[in-house]
């Protein structure tokens, strides 16, 4: 059998936790240059998704977490061995088949980063705050100190530049958009 895949989410900005609480149900991954070239060569989006996305609609994928963060959900007999693994402290080295939380990919599409809708910003884990008096509604994200944004897109633009590097939003790359649901 083919082994299960995992998907990594940014912990610094609380994304793994947001996924586990079903507050984040969408993620974007920047297309690699050779994949963008396939679009430029005239391949349609569906074909590029099929060939290059790495995930398929309906696929169940493990949520990457450090082993030490999921000890309570694991059979005790595994623990002595897992404490010695690099995955104990670094989720990059965890094995998908051992991980305990999963999402199902429900949709995949390609769009430009700046085409993100207000609704999709919220699915990406941006928070809406109606509680701020004079300013009216503002938007923010976890890991952000004392700053709020007038639109969800402004908040997401700031977030993506922190995660993927300054200038990412302005460069407006093609992205795979993955919709998913938490299944356990």
Protein backbone atom coordinates (compact mmCIF):
# COMPACT_ATOMS: atom_id res chain seq x y z
CA UNK A 1 0.00 0.00 0.00
CA UNK A 2 1.12 3.54 -0.66
CA UNK A 3 1.95 5.28 2.56
CA UNK A 4 -0.08 8.23 3.72
CA UNK A 5 1.14 11.78 3.11
CA UNK A 6 1.30 14.55 5.66
CA UNK A 7 0.76 18.28 5.38
CA UNK A 8 2.72 20.82 7.39
CA UNK A 9 1.15 23.98 8.80
CA UNK A 10 2.93 26.95 10.35
CA UNK A 11 3.10 26.71 14.14
CA UNK A 12 4.53 30.18 14.73
CA UNK A 13 1.23 31.63 13.53
CA UNK A 14 -0.91 28.94 15.18
CA UNK A 15 -2.01 27.24 11.97
CA UNK A 16 -1.68 23.64 13.13
CA UNK A 17 -3.87 24.45 16.12
CA UNK A 18 -6.36 26.32 13.90
CA UNK A 19 -6.61 23.23 11.66
CA UNK A 20 -7.19 20.99 14.68
CA UNK A 21 -9.96 23.35 15.86
CA UNK A 22 -11.49 23.55 12.34
CA UNK A 23 -10.88 27.31 12.23
CA UNK A 24 -8.55 26.85 9.26
CA UNK A 25 -10.03 24.84 6.39
CA UNK A 26 -7.97 26.09 3.48
CA UNK A 27 -4.30 26.48 2.62
CA UNK A 28 -2.32 27.88 -0.28
CA UNK A 29 0.94 26.48 -1.63
CA UNK A 30 2.99 28.42 -4.17
CA UNK A 31 3.49 26.67 -7.50
CA UNK A 32 7.10 25.83 -8.30
CA UNK A 33 8.59 27.50 -11.40
CA UNK A 34 8.44 24.33 -13.54
CA UNK A 35 4.75 23.98 -12.68
CA UNK A 36 4.02 27.59 -13.68
CA UNK A 37 5.82 26.85 -16.96
CA UNK A 38 3.31 24.04 -17.62
CA UNK A 39 0.50 26.62 -17.34
CA UNK A 40 2.35 28.95 -19.70
CA UNK A 41 2.76 26.03 -22.11
CA UNK A 42 -1.01 25.90 -22.37
CA UNK A 43 -1.80 22.99 -20.04
CA UNK A 44 -5.13 23.59 -18.35
CA UNK A 45 -5.46 23.97 -14.58
CA UNK A 46 -7.02 20.54 -14.07
CA UNK A 47 -4.14 18.84 -15.87
CA UNK A 48 -1.55 20.79 -13.87
CA UNK A 49 -3.37 19.91 -10.62
CA UNK A 50 -3.41 16.23 -11.61
CA UNK A 51 0.29 16.18 -12.48
CA UNK A 52 1.85 18.48 -9.90
CA UNK A 53 -0.34 19.11 -6.89
CA UNK A 54 0.97 16.26 -4.73
CA UNK A 55 -2.52 15.72 -3.28
CA UNK A 56 -5.81 14.54 -4.74
CA UNK A 57 -9.42 15.45 -3.94
CA UNK A 58 -10.76 12.91 -1.45
CA UNK A 59 -7.29 12.01 -0.17
CA UNK A 60 -6.85 11.66 3.58
CA UNK A 61 -3.69 13.40 4.78
CA UNK A 62 -2.04 13.42 8.22
CA UNK A 63 -1.61 16.77 9.99
CA UNK A 64 2.09 17.05 10.82
CA UNK A 65 2.72 17.39 14.57
CA UNK A 66 5.73 16.67 16.75
CA UNK A 67 5.48 13.28 18.42
CA UNK A 68 5.88 14.89 21.82
CA UNK A 69 2.72 16.94 21.18
CA UNK A 70 0.56 13.86 20.54
CA UNK A 71 1.83 11.45 23.19
CA UNK A 72 -1.58 11.26 24.85
CA UNK A 73 -3.14 10.04 21.60
CA UNK A 74 -0.59 7.27 20.98
CA UNK A 75 -0.24 3.69 22.19
CA UNK A 76 2.14 3.73 25.16
CA UNK A 77 4.26 0.97 23.65
CA UNK A 78 5.48 3.36 20.91
CA UNK A 79 6.69 6.08 23.24
CA UNK A 80 10.12 4.77 24.34
CA UNK A 81 11.10 4.37 20.70
CA UNK A 82 9.60 7.68 19.53
CA UNK A 83 11.37 9.76 22.19
CA UNK A 84 14.63 8.86 20.43
CA UNK A 85 13.40 9.90 16.97
CA UNK A 86 14.09 13.34 15.43
CA UNK A 87 10.30 13.63 15.02
CA UNK A 88 9.98 13.87 18.82
CA UNK A 89 10.90 17.57 18.59
CA UNK A 90 10.69 18.31 14.84
CA UNK A 91 7.52 17.55 12.88
CA UNK A 92 9.47 17.62 9.62
CA UNK A 93 10.77 14.16 10.56
CA UNK A 94 7.50 12.56 11.63
CA UNK A 95 6.04 9.61 9.76
CA UNK A 96 2.56 10.22 8.42
CA UNK A 97 1.39 6.71 9.29
CA UNK A 98 2.04 7.31 13.01
CA UNK A 99 0.38 10.74 13.20
CA UNK A 100 -3.01 10.84 14.89
CA UNK A 101 -4.96 13.72 13.30
CA UNK A 102 -6.16 13.82 9.70
CA UNK A 103 -7.78 16.04 7.11
CA UNK A 104 -9.55 15.14 3.88
CA UNK A 105 -8.84 17.26 0.80
CA UNK A 106 -12.24 18.40 -0.51
CA UNK A 107 -11.19 20.64 -3.41
CA UNK A 108 -8.08 21.80 -5.27
CA UNK A 109 -7.85 24.76 -7.60
CA UNK A 110 -5.23 27.14 -8.98
CA UNK A 111 -5.43 30.91 -8.71
CA UNK A 112 -3.20 33.94 -8.28
CA UNK A 113 -2.40 34.74 -4.65
CA UNK A 114 -4.02 38.18 -4.72
CA UNK A 115 -7.30 36.71 -6.00
CA UNK A 116 -8.07 35.43 -2.49
CA UNK A 117 -11.62 36.36 -1.46
CA UNK A 118 -12.67 37.83 1.88
CA UNK A 119 -14.33 34.52 2.75
CA UNK A 120 -11.20 32.54 1.85
CA UNK A 121 -9.02 34.77 4.07
CA UNK A 122 -11.16 33.64 7.00
CA UNK A 123 -10.83 29.99 5.90
CA UNK A 124 -7.05 30.59 5.93
CA UNK A 125 -7.22 31.42 9.63
CA UNK A 126 -7.55 35.22 9.57
CA UNK A 127 -9.66 36.45 12.50
CA UNK A 128 -12.46 38.96 12.21
CA UNK A 129 -12.89 41.32 15.16
CA UNK A 130 -16.06 43.40 15.39
CA UNK A 131 -15.26 44.53 18.89
CA UNK A 132 -13.04 47.53 18.50
CA UNK A 133 -15.18 50.63 18.86
CA UNK A 134 -14.11 53.52 16.64
CA UNK A 135 -12.19 51.49 14.11
CA UNK A 136 -15.13 49.27 13.20
CA UNK A 137 -14.36 45.76 12.00
CA UNK A 138 -10.71 44.79 11.88
CA UNK A 139 -8.85 41.63 10.92
CA UNK A 140 -5.79 40.00 12.41
CA UNK A 141 -3.92 36.74 12.76
CA UNK A 142 -2.32 34.80 15.56
CA UNK A 143 1.27 35.74 16.33
CA UNK A 144 0.65 39.37 15.46
CA UNK A 145 1.34 41.96 18.14
CA UNK A 146 -0.95 45.00 18.40
CA UNK A 147 -1.68 45.42 14.75
CA UNK A 148 -4.94 45.09 12.96
CA UNK A 149 -5.99 45.43 9.37
CA UNK A 150 -8.96 47.05 7.67
CA UNK A 151 -9.58 44.15 5.28
CA UNK A 152 -9.02 40.41 5.57
CA UNK A 153 -6.84 40.60 2.43
CA UNK A 154 -4.48 43.11 4.10
CA UNK A 155 -4.15 40.78 7.08
CA UNK A 156 -3.53 37.77 4.82
CA UNK A 157 -0.98 39.72 2.74
CA UNK A 158 0.96 40.49 5.91
CA UNK A 159 0.73 36.88 7.07
CA UNK A 160 1.88 35.33 3.78
CA UNK A 161 4.86 37.70 3.64
CA UNK A 162 5.86 36.55 7.13
CA UNK A 163 5.48 32.87 6.26
CA UNK A 164 6.80 32.81 2.69
CA UNK A 165 9.11 35.83 2.67
CA UNK A 166 8.78 39.57 2.18
CA UNK A 167 7.42 40.45 -1.24
CA UNK A 168 5.45 37.22 -1.70
CA UNK A 169 2.09 39.03 -1.78
CA UNK A 170 3.33 41.69 -4.21
CA UNK A 171 4.80 39.09 -6.56
CA UNK A 172 1.29 37.55 -6.83
CA UNK A 173 2.40 33.98 -7.57
CA UNK A 174 0.19 31.16 -8.80
CA UNK A 175 -0.93 28.98 -5.89
CA UNK A 176 -2.61 25.66 -5.35
CA UNK A 177 -5.62 26.28 -3.12
CA UNK A 178 -6.50 23.27 -0.98
CA UNK A 179 -9.85 23.07 0.78
CA UNK A 180 -10.00 20.43 3.48
CA UNK A 181 -12.03 19.19 6.42
CA UNK A 182 -10.80 17.81 9.70
CA UNK A 183 -11.92 14.19 10.02
CA UNK A 184 -10.45 13.17 13.39
